[in-house]
Each structure stands twice: as structure tokens, then as C-alpha cells.
């Protein structure tokens, strides 16, 4: 029941963010900081699959082998769902409307949802075995979300949608794998 409240809060924030999208994008056009530019560009150049490879290594190092199958399912669902929604929505990226530098984005009309935010958020659940790693990854996810908006690659609503979608994908993956294991165990 507690998770439903989290999703409802997320949806509420998503609705509010649609009203703030243009104002926030316009704010970042006029307020650039070289330090943030460097960090955001570094994050921009990290391919999404690196998140999953990194998490896989962490899970192996911490002997969390039972989380590997849900992680792989999360990766597959992340790829399919995110790309499908991007194609259906075909929202232009903020840099096409505002005076942001285009950092080589080929998929100009694929802003919603943010793939980086979705990927980063979809692995949060896999750190629940260690509070320190969990909090560090939450900070990483927030930094990823900030960098995407800061660079004009995404609107605020894109990254919030990515956060909700990513967390939902991991919830769904963990649920499906658990259900499959229980069903296989009783057969």
C-alpha cells in the first residue's frame, strides 16, 4: 500500500512538472556554470547500458546473485518500454526550442521519457540490500536527472516520468521473477 502512495506522489509531481517545463528550461539557458557543464556533459556521454553493467558487477561483488535475473529483466523492459514510449510521444527535446547547445543528439524528437533517468531509477531497488549504496545511488539518480534538464536534453517532466517508469519497471521485474520462482517451486 505504501508503494501506491509513492506512485501517486510521483504522478502528482509529473503533472505539476508539465507546467514548469518551459520555465525551468529557460532558466537553465540563462544560468550556466562551467563546473556543472563539465559534470553534465560527462553524464550525457555515459551509455545507458553502463548503469546496468555497473549494477551487475556490484551485485556479483556483494553476492546478490538472486537479483541478477530481475536485473536482466529490468534491462529488457527498460529498453523496450522507453523506446516504445519515445516513438509514440515523439516530443522534441528542449534544445530544439531553447538556446541550448545540441550535444549530438540524433533522436531529436525523443525527449519523453528520459532514457538516462529511467535507466538510473530502474536500478534503485537493486541496492536495497545496502543502505549506503542505496543512498549513494539515489544521489546519482538525482544528479543524472538534473544533468539531463540542465543540458536541455530533457524537460523536467521527462526526467520525472523516467523516474516513475524506471522504478515501476524494477518493481514489475522483481515481482515477475518472484512469482515465476514461486510458481516453479510449487509445480
Protein backbone atom coordinates (compact mmCIF):
# COMPACT_ATOMS: atom_id res chain seq x y z
CA UNK A 1 0.00 0.00 0.00
CA UNK A 2 2.90 2.32 0.78
CA UNK A 3 4.22 1.99 -2.79
CA UNK A 4 0.91 3.16 -4.22
CA UNK A 5 1.35 6.44 -2.35
CA UNK A 6 4.83 6.84 -3.83
CA UNK A 7 3.45 6.35 -7.32
CA UNK A 8 0.58 8.77 -6.67
CA UNK A 9 3.03 11.39 -5.39
CA UNK A 10 5.18 10.77 -8.48
CA UNK A 11 2.21 11.23 -10.80
CA UNK A 12 1.24 14.42 -8.96
CA UNK A 13 4.80 15.76 -9.38
CA UNK A 14 4.72 14.75 -13.05
CA UNK A 15 1.53 16.74 -13.63
CA UNK A 16 2.98 19.81 -11.89
CA UNK A 17 6.24 19.47 -13.83
CA UNK A 18 4.44 19.84 -17.16
CA UNK A 19 3.51 23.38 -16.09
CA UNK A 20 7.12 24.15 -15.12
CA UNK A 21 8.90 22.62 -18.13
CA UNK A 22 9.38 25.77 -20.21
CA UNK A 23 10.27 28.00 -17.24
CA UNK A 24 12.92 25.60 -15.98
CA UNK A 25 14.41 25.05 -19.44
CA UNK A 26 14.51 28.81 -19.99
CA UNK A 27 16.17 29.30 -16.58
CA UNK A 28 18.99 26.90 -17.43
CA UNK A 29 19.62 28.59 -20.80
CA UNK A 30 20.49 31.80 -18.99
CA UNK A 31 22.24 30.33 -15.96
CA UNK A 32 25.20 28.22 -16.94
CA UNK A 33 28.09 27.26 -14.66
CA UNK A 34 31.27 25.76 -16.13
CA UNK A 35 31.55 23.21 -13.30
CA UNK A 36 28.01 21.93 -13.89
CA UNK A 37 28.61 21.95 -17.64
CA UNK A 38 31.54 19.56 -17.23
CA UNK A 39 29.70 17.15 -14.93
CA UNK A 40 26.52 17.19 -17.01
CA UNK A 41 28.40 16.54 -20.26
CA UNK A 42 30.26 13.66 -18.60
CA UNK A 43 26.93 12.12 -17.53
CA UNK A 44 25.49 12.76 -21.00
CA UNK A 45 28.24 10.65 -22.55
CA UNK A 46 27.63 7.61 -20.33
CA UNK A 47 25.70 5.00 -22.31
CA UNK A 48 22.63 3.58 -20.54
CA UNK A 49 23.94 0.02 -20.54
CA UNK A 50 26.89 1.12 -18.39
CA UNK A 51 24.42 1.63 -15.50
CA UNK A 52 23.30 -1.98 -15.79
CA UNK A 53 26.81 -3.39 -16.19
CA UNK A 54 27.93 -1.44 -13.13
CA UNK A 55 25.00 -2.76 -11.08
CA UNK A 56 25.67 -6.31 -12.26
CA UNK A 57 29.27 -6.04 -11.04
CA UNK A 58 28.11 -4.63 -7.68
CA UNK A 59 25.58 -7.46 -7.27
CA UNK A 60 28.25 -10.07 -8.00
CA UNK A 61 30.74 -8.45 -5.61
CA UNK A 62 28.14 -8.37 -2.82
CA UNK A 63 26.99 -11.93 -3.58
CA UNK A 64 23.46 -10.85 -4.53
CA UNK A 65 23.03 -13.48 -7.24
CA UNK A 66 19.26 -13.72 -6.68
CA UNK A 67 18.95 -10.18 -8.05
CA UNK A 68 20.67 -10.90 -11.38
CA UNK A 69 17.64 -12.34 -13.19
CA UNK A 70 15.38 -9.43 -12.13
CA UNK A 71 18.13 -7.01 -13.23
CA UNK A 72 18.29 -8.61 -16.68
CA UNK A 73 14.51 -8.47 -16.99
CA UNK A 74 14.61 -4.83 -15.87
CA UNK A 75 17.16 -4.11 -18.60
CA UNK A 76 14.98 -5.72 -21.28
CA UNK A 77 11.80 -3.97 -20.08
CA UNK A 78 13.66 -0.67 -19.80
CA UNK A 79 14.89 -0.88 -23.40
CA UNK A 80 11.57 -1.87 -24.89
CA UNK A 81 9.29 0.36 -22.85
CA UNK A 82 11.39 3.51 -23.02
CA UNK A 83 11.97 3.29 -26.77
CA UNK A 84 8.32 2.49 -27.47
CA UNK A 85 7.10 5.48 -25.44
CA UNK A 86 9.70 7.76 -27.07
CA UNK A 87 8.49 6.73 -30.54
CA UNK A 88 4.80 7.12 -29.65
CA UNK A 89 5.14 10.50 -27.89
CA UNK A 90 7.84 11.93 -30.22
CA UNK A 91 8.34 15.00 -28.05
CA UNK A 92 11.02 17.42 -29.31
CA UNK A 93 13.95 17.95 -26.98
CA UNK A 94 14.26 21.34 -25.23
CA UNK A 95 17.36 22.32 -27.19
CA UNK A 96 15.18 22.48 -30.32
CA UNK A 97 13.06 25.22 -28.71
CA UNK A 98 15.53 26.99 -26.43
CA UNK A 99 19.09 28.17 -26.97
CA UNK A 100 20.87 25.07 -25.67
CA UNK A 101 23.85 23.52 -27.40
CA UNK A 102 22.97 20.32 -29.28
CA UNK A 103 25.38 17.74 -27.93
CA UNK A 104 24.97 15.45 -30.89
CA UNK A 105 21.54 14.04 -30.12
CA UNK A 106 20.38 12.17 -33.19
CA UNK A 107 16.94 11.37 -31.83
CA UNK A 108 15.77 14.99 -31.63
CA UNK A 109 12.08 14.05 -31.27
CA UNK A 110 12.53 11.54 -28.49
CA UNK A 111 12.60 13.55 -25.30
CA UNK A 112 9.85 11.81 -23.32
CA UNK A 113 10.71 9.95 -21.12
CA UNK A 114 14.38 10.43 -20.31
CA UNK A 115 16.24 7.20 -21.02
CA UNK A 116 19.08 8.13 -18.66
CA UNK A 117 16.67 8.88 -15.81
CA UNK A 118 14.69 5.71 -16.49
CA UNK A 119 17.84 3.56 -16.53
CA UNK A 120 19.22 5.13 -13.37
CA UNK A 121 15.92 4.89 -11.49
CA UNK A 122 15.27 1.33 -12.64
CA UNK A 123 18.21 0.02 -10.65
CA UNK A 124 17.49 1.79 -7.36
CA UNK A 125 15.64 -1.24 -5.98
CA UNK A 126 18.70 -3.44 -6.53
CA UNK A 127 20.61 -1.53 -3.85
CA UNK A 128 18.08 -2.19 -1.09
CA UNK A 129 20.41 -4.76 0.46
CA UNK A 130 22.84 -1.98 1.49
CA UNK A 131 21.62 1.40 2.79
CA UNK A 132 24.84 3.25 1.99
CA UNK A 133 24.84 2.06 -1.63
CA UNK A 134 21.12 2.80 -1.85
CA UNK A 135 21.54 6.42 -0.75
CA UNK A 136 24.56 6.90 -2.98
CA UNK A 137 22.60 5.59 -5.96
CA UNK A 138 19.64 7.83 -5.16
CA UNK A 139 22.04 10.79 -5.23
CA UNK A 140 23.47 9.52 -8.54
CA UNK A 141 19.94 9.28 -9.95
CA UNK A 142 19.12 12.84 -8.87
CA UNK A 143 22.39 14.04 -10.41
CA UNK A 144 21.57 12.24 -13.67
CA UNK A 145 18.10 13.77 -13.72
CA UNK A 146 19.47 17.25 -13.02
CA UNK A 147 22.13 16.93 -15.72
CA UNK A 148 19.57 15.94 -18.37
CA UNK A 149 17.44 19.01 -17.66
CA UNK A 150 20.47 21.28 -17.22
CA UNK A 151 21.82 20.38 -20.67
CA UNK A 152 18.49 20.88 -22.39
CA UNK A 153 18.30 17.24 -23.42
CA UNK A 154 15.07 16.79 -21.44
CA UNK A 155 12.31 18.72 -19.76
CA UNK A 156 11.64 18.31 -16.05
CA UNK A 157 8.58 16.20 -16.85
CA UNK A 158 10.74 13.88 -18.98
CA UNK A 159 13.05 13.03 -16.07
CA UNK A 160 10.22 12.70 -13.55
CA UNK A 161 8.42 10.36 -15.95
CA UNK A 162 11.72 8.45 -16.30
CA UNK A 163 11.99 8.19 -12.51
CA UNK A 164 8.46 6.82 -12.18
CA UNK A 165 8.82 4.50 -15.16
CA UNK A 166 12.22 3.19 -14.06
CA UNK A 167 11.08 2.46 -10.55
CA UNK A 168 7.92 0.78 -11.86
CA UNK A 169 9.94 -1.38 -14.27
CA UNK A 170 12.17 -2.65 -11.45
CA UNK A 171 9.13 -3.29 -9.23
CA UNK A 172 7.49 -5.22 -12.06
CA UNK A 173 10.66 -7.21 -12.83
CA UNK A 174 11.20 -8.20 -9.21
CA UNK A 175 7.51 -9.14 -8.87
CA UNK A 176 7.51 -11.25 -12.06
CA UNK A 177 10.70 -13.11 -11.18
CA UNK A 178 9.45 -13.80 -7.64
CA UNK A 179 6.12 -15.02 -8.99
CA UNK A 180 7.91 -17.25 -11.53
CA UNK A 181 10.18 -18.72 -8.83
CA UNK A 182 7.21 -19.42 -6.54
CA UNK A 183 5.23 -21.00 -9.36
CA UNK A 184 8.19 -23.10 -10.44
CA UNK A 185 8.74 -24.18 -6.83
CA UNK A 186 5.14 -25.35 -6.38
CA UNK A 187 4.91 -27.21 -9.71
